[in-house]
């Protein structure tokens, strides 16, 4: 399984330690150099999502913290150590309503659909 790690850029200047197009990042107890070809140049302090030593996307600090907390829950579950309220943190997207799914993905919240017999639609479906 491949898991994206939220990491913060700590060095971005190419030189003796970094080739062009690479940055040094830190997160989840480790530090490494990663390729930024998919997202372009990154500045120190930026949060990024790293898969297999490649930056896949830029993150804001809030989203990085959410991903980090979820990874902590997964690690705890793998060790058999889950907090009592952890089940709520593992709601699958398929079980979410449209508003919750939009909040998770950052998409606009969809307008509620009108049912065929709602009070705002007086015609019967044909």
Protein backbone atom coordinates (compact mmCIF):
# COMPACT_ATOMS: atom_id res chain seq x y z
CA UNK A 1 0.00 0.00 0.00
CA UNK A 2 1.30 3.44 -0.89
CA UNK A 3 0.48 6.18 1.60
CA UNK A 4 1.06 9.89 1.05
CA UNK A 5 2.91 11.63 3.84
CA UNK A 6 2.38 15.28 4.74
CA UNK A 7 5.82 16.89 4.96
CA UNK A 8 7.14 20.43 5.29
CA UNK A 9 9.81 21.83 2.98
CA UNK A 10 12.94 22.71 4.97
CA UNK A 11 15.42 23.39 2.14
CA UNK A 12 14.86 24.29 -1.47
CA UNK A 13 18.12 25.66 -2.82
CA UNK A 14 19.86 23.28 -5.23
CA UNK A 15 23.54 22.90 -4.58
CA UNK A 16 25.88 20.31 -3.19
CA UNK A 17 23.16 18.45 -1.27
CA UNK A 18 20.16 18.86 -3.61
CA UNK A 19 19.88 18.45 -7.38
CA UNK A 20 17.78 20.95 -9.32
CA UNK A 21 14.05 20.25 -8.96
CA UNK A 22 14.41 18.61 -5.55
CA UNK A 23 13.74 19.87 -2.02
CA UNK A 24 14.49 18.57 1.46
CA UNK A 25 11.38 17.87 3.54
CA UNK A 26 10.68 16.77 7.10
CA UNK A 27 7.68 15.08 8.65
CA UNK A 28 6.47 12.05 10.60
CA UNK A 29 9.86 11.69 12.27
CA UNK A 30 11.99 11.63 9.14
CA UNK A 31 13.77 13.90 6.72
CA UNK A 32 14.46 13.23 3.04
CA UNK A 33 15.03 14.76 -0.40
CA UNK A 34 12.07 14.60 -2.80
CA UNK A 35 11.41 15.44 -6.44
CA UNK A 36 9.12 18.42 -7.19
CA UNK A 37 8.67 17.86 -10.95
CA UNK A 38 4.90 17.40 -10.65
CA UNK A 39 4.23 20.64 -8.71
CA UNK A 40 7.11 22.95 -9.57
CA UNK A 41 9.37 24.89 -7.22
CA UNK A 42 8.54 24.75 -3.50
CA UNK A 43 9.68 27.19 -0.82
CA UNK A 44 10.80 26.42 2.74
CA UNK A 45 7.80 26.32 5.07
CA UNK A 46 5.36 24.95 2.45
CA UNK A 47 3.45 21.74 3.21
CA UNK A 48 3.39 19.04 0.55
CA UNK A 49 2.04 15.51 0.16
CA UNK A 50 4.84 13.05 -0.66
CA UNK A 51 4.42 9.64 -2.34
CA UNK A 52 7.49 7.53 -3.14
CA UNK A 53 9.90 10.49 -2.84
CA UNK A 54 7.83 12.70 -5.16
CA UNK A 55 5.70 15.69 -4.22
CA UNK A 56 2.20 14.97 -5.52
CA UNK A 57 0.42 18.11 -4.29
CA UNK A 58 0.72 21.21 -2.15
CA UNK A 59 -1.20 21.31 1.14
CA UNK A 60 -2.24 24.01 3.54
CA UNK A 61 -1.19 23.50 7.17
CA UNK A 62 -4.73 22.49 8.22
CA UNK A 63 -4.99 19.71 5.63
CA UNK A 64 -1.48 18.49 6.46
CA UNK A 65 -2.50 18.25 10.14
CA UNK A 66 -5.68 16.32 9.22
CA UNK A 67 -3.71 13.79 7.16
CA UNK A 68 -1.08 13.48 9.90
CA UNK A 69 -3.76 12.85 12.54
CA UNK A 70 -5.42 10.23 10.33
CA UNK A 71 -2.10 8.47 9.81
CA UNK A 72 -1.65 8.44 13.61
CA UNK A 73 -5.07 6.76 13.95
CA UNK A 74 -4.14 4.17 11.30
CA UNK A 75 -0.84 3.47 13.07
CA UNK A 76 -2.71 3.07 16.36
CA UNK A 77 -5.24 0.72 14.75
CA UNK A 78 -2.42 -1.40 13.36
CA UNK A 79 -0.98 -1.71 16.88
CA UNK A 80 -4.43 -2.44 18.36
CA UNK A 81 -4.52 0.90 20.18
CA UNK A 82 -7.56 2.95 19.19
CA UNK A 83 -9.14 5.70 21.24
CA UNK A 84 -12.80 5.11 22.17
CA UNK A 85 -14.06 7.78 19.74
CA UNK A 86 -11.82 6.70 16.83
CA UNK A 87 -14.63 4.97 14.93
CA UNK A 88 -16.07 8.38 14.03
CA UNK A 89 -12.76 9.34 12.39
CA UNK A 90 -12.97 6.40 10.00
CA UNK A 91 -16.22 7.15 8.18
CA UNK A 92 -15.76 5.94 4.64
CA UNK A 93 -16.49 8.47 1.87
CA UNK A 94 -19.17 6.12 0.51
CA UNK A 95 -21.09 6.53 3.80
CA UNK A 96 -20.90 10.35 3.80
CA UNK A 97 -23.62 12.71 2.67
CA UNK A 98 -22.85 15.15 -0.16
CA UNK A 99 -21.97 18.04 2.17
CA UNK A 100 -19.52 15.95 4.23
CA UNK A 101 -17.90 14.55 1.09
CA UNK A 102 -17.54 18.06 -0.35
CA UNK A 103 -15.92 19.22 2.90
CA UNK A 104 -13.50 16.29 2.78
CA UNK A 105 -12.46 16.91 -0.82
CA UNK A 106 -12.64 20.71 -0.82
CA UNK A 107 -15.28 20.67 -3.57
CA UNK A 108 -18.20 23.10 -3.60
CA UNK A 109 -21.22 21.87 -1.66
CA UNK A 110 -23.84 20.67 -4.18
CA UNK A 111 -27.31 22.19 -4.14
CA UNK A 112 -29.93 19.86 -2.69
CA UNK A 113 -31.83 17.95 -5.35
CA UNK A 114 -35.58 18.51 -5.63
CA UNK A 115 -37.70 15.43 -5.28
CA UNK A 116 -40.36 14.91 -7.96
CA UNK A 117 -43.13 15.73 -5.49
CA UNK A 118 -41.51 18.50 -3.43
CA UNK A 119 -43.46 21.61 -2.54
CA UNK A 120 -41.41 23.68 -5.00
CA UNK A 121 -42.18 21.38 -7.89
CA UNK A 122 -45.95 20.96 -8.28
CA UNK A 123 -45.91 19.01 -11.54
CA UNK A 124 -46.02 15.25 -11.42
CA UNK A 125 -43.21 13.42 -13.17
CA UNK A 126 -44.13 12.06 -16.61
